[in-house]
Amino acid sequence: MIPGMNPRKMKQMMKQLGMDVRPVDDVQEIVITTPKGRYVFDQAEVAIMKMQGITTWQITGEPRFEEAALAIPDEDISLVAEQAGVSVETARSALEKSNGDIADAILNLTGKAE
C-alpha cells in the first residue's frame, strides 16, 4: 500500500481499476522447487491479485534454500566401479566427490588425475 493513504480510499481506487486483492489465510509453508534446490518459505504472507483477467500470486517473506541432492544413476556407478576396479560403494563415493562427473571419478580412483 501507499504510505499515508487512507486504506478505504485505496480499496476504492483498486476497485475502479478492476483490481481484486485477497489475502490467503493460515499459510503454513510455501515451496518453490528448481533443478538446483528448493526455496522454502516457512512464514510468508500470500495475496492473490486479479486484474484484467490475470491472476498473480504475491509471496512476501524470507526463504531458506535447500540444495538438491545429487542423483547419480546406477548405470554410472556400475561403469565407474568396473572401469576403476573398485567396489560399488567406492564408485558412488567417488562420483559424489566429483559431482557426478564419470571421467573425473575414474581418474581419481585410478590415480591418473592431475
Protein backbone atom coordinates (compact mmCIF):
# COMPACT_ATOMS: atom_id res chain seq x y z
CA MET A 1 0.00 0.00 0.00
CA ILE A 2 0.98 3.62 -0.36
CA PRO A 3 2.16 5.13 2.95
CA GLY A 4 -0.14 7.78 4.37
CA MET A 5 -3.05 6.87 2.10
CA ASN A 6 -6.41 6.05 3.56
CA PRO A 7 -6.92 2.25 3.22
CA ARG A 8 -10.58 2.75 2.35
CA LYS A 9 -9.66 5.19 -0.44
CA MET A 10 -7.01 2.73 -1.68
CA LYS A 11 -9.58 -0.10 -1.89
CA GLN A 12 -11.95 2.18 -3.80
CA MET A 13 -9.22 3.12 -6.30
CA MET A 14 -8.24 -0.53 -6.78
CA LYS A 15 -11.87 -1.48 -7.41
CA GLN A 16 -12.15 1.28 -10.03
CA LEU A 17 -9.07 -0.13 -11.76
CA GLY A 18 -10.60 -3.60 -11.77
CA MET A 19 -8.16 -4.97 -9.20
CA ASP A 20 -9.21 -7.55 -6.65
CA VAL A 21 -6.63 -8.38 -3.97
CA ARG A 22 -7.34 -11.02 -1.35
CA PRO A 23 -5.02 -12.49 1.28
CA VAL A 24 -4.61 -16.23 1.70
CA ASP A 25 -5.08 -17.01 5.38
CA ASP A 26 -3.27 -19.59 7.50
CA VAL A 27 -0.39 -20.25 5.09
CA GLN A 28 1.92 -22.77 6.73
CA GLU A 29 4.64 -23.30 4.12
CA ILE A 30 5.44 -22.47 0.50
CA VAL A 31 7.99 -24.47 -1.51
CA ILE A 32 9.40 -23.46 -4.90
CA THR A 33 11.36 -26.30 -6.49
CA THR A 34 14.11 -25.73 -9.08
CA PRO A 35 16.71 -28.11 -10.54
CA LYS A 36 19.32 -26.71 -8.12
CA GLY A 37 17.19 -26.99 -5.00
CA ARG A 38 14.16 -25.73 -3.10
CA TYR A 39 13.22 -22.30 -1.76
CA VAL A 40 11.19 -22.86 1.39
CA PHE A 41 9.11 -20.09 2.96
CA ASP A 42 8.15 -21.19 6.49
CA GLN A 43 6.34 -17.99 7.35
CA ALA A 44 5.03 -16.00 4.45
CA GLU A 45 2.19 -13.71 3.60
CA VAL A 46 0.38 -14.61 0.39
CA ALA A 47 -2.02 -12.46 -1.60
CA ILE A 48 -3.94 -13.25 -4.76
CA MET A 49 -4.40 -10.32 -7.11
CA LYS A 50 -6.75 -10.43 -10.08
CA MET A 51 -6.59 -7.68 -12.66
CA GLN A 52 -7.80 -7.66 -16.25
CA GLY A 53 -8.26 -11.44 -16.30
CA ILE A 54 -4.77 -12.19 -15.00
CA THR A 55 -4.22 -13.80 -11.61
CA THR A 56 -0.98 -13.04 -9.78
CA TRP A 57 0.19 -14.68 -6.57
CA GLN A 58 2.36 -12.49 -4.35
CA ILE A 59 4.61 -14.08 -1.72
CA THR A 60 6.17 -11.90 0.96
CA GLY A 61 8.69 -13.48 3.29
CA GLU A 62 12.24 -14.72 3.72
CA PRO A 63 13.03 -18.14 2.19
CA ARG A 64 15.73 -20.60 3.09
CA PHE A 65 17.45 -22.53 0.31
CA GLU A 66 17.86 -26.31 0.39
CA GLU A 67 20.24 -27.70 -2.21
CA ALA A 68 19.00 -30.63 -4.27
CA ALA A 69 20.61 -33.97 -3.54
CA LEU A 70 22.85 -35.20 -6.33
CA ALA A 71 21.10 -38.01 -8.19
CA ILE A 72 23.64 -40.47 -9.58
CA PRO A 73 22.24 -43.18 -11.87
CA ASP A 74 23.07 -46.81 -11.00
CA GLU A 75 24.50 -47.25 -14.52
CA ASP A 76 27.09 -44.53 -13.84
CA ILE A 77 28.07 -46.16 -10.55
CA SER A 78 28.46 -49.57 -12.22
CA LEU A 79 30.52 -48.09 -15.05
CA VAL A 80 32.92 -46.31 -12.66
CA ALA A 81 33.23 -49.42 -10.45
CA GLU A 82 34.03 -51.59 -13.49
CA GLN A 83 36.47 -49.17 -15.13
CA ALA A 84 38.35 -48.36 -11.93
CA GLY A 85 38.21 -51.89 -10.49
CA VAL A 86 36.63 -50.77 -7.20
CA SER A 87 33.51 -51.61 -5.19
CA VAL A 88 30.13 -50.04 -5.92
CA GLU A 89 30.30 -48.09 -2.63
CA THR A 90 33.72 -46.66 -3.53
CA ALA A 91 32.49 -45.76 -7.00
CA ARG A 92 29.42 -44.00 -5.57
CA SER A 93 31.61 -42.02 -3.17
CA ALA A 94 33.98 -41.00 -5.97
CA LEU A 95 31.04 -39.86 -8.13
CA GLU A 96 29.64 -37.80 -5.26
CA LYS A 97 33.01 -36.12 -4.74
CA SER A 98 33.26 -35.34 -8.46
CA ASN A 99 29.63 -34.06 -8.65
CA GLY A 100 28.62 -36.93 -10.93
CA ASP A 101 31.48 -36.49 -13.42
CA ILE A 102 32.23 -40.08 -14.55
CA ALA A 103 35.62 -39.38 -16.14
CA ASP A 104 36.84 -37.39 -13.14
CA ALA A 105 35.72 -40.12 -10.73
CA ILE A 106 37.54 -42.84 -12.72
CA LEU A 107 40.72 -40.74 -13.00
CA ASN A 108 40.70 -40.03 -9.26
CA LEU A 109 40.20 -43.71 -8.41
CA THR A 110 42.92 -44.94 -10.75
CA GLY A 111 45.39 -42.29 -9.61
CA LYS A 112 45.68 -40.76 -13.07
CA ALA A 113 44.17 -37.39 -12.10
CA GLU A 114 46.49 -34.42 -12.21
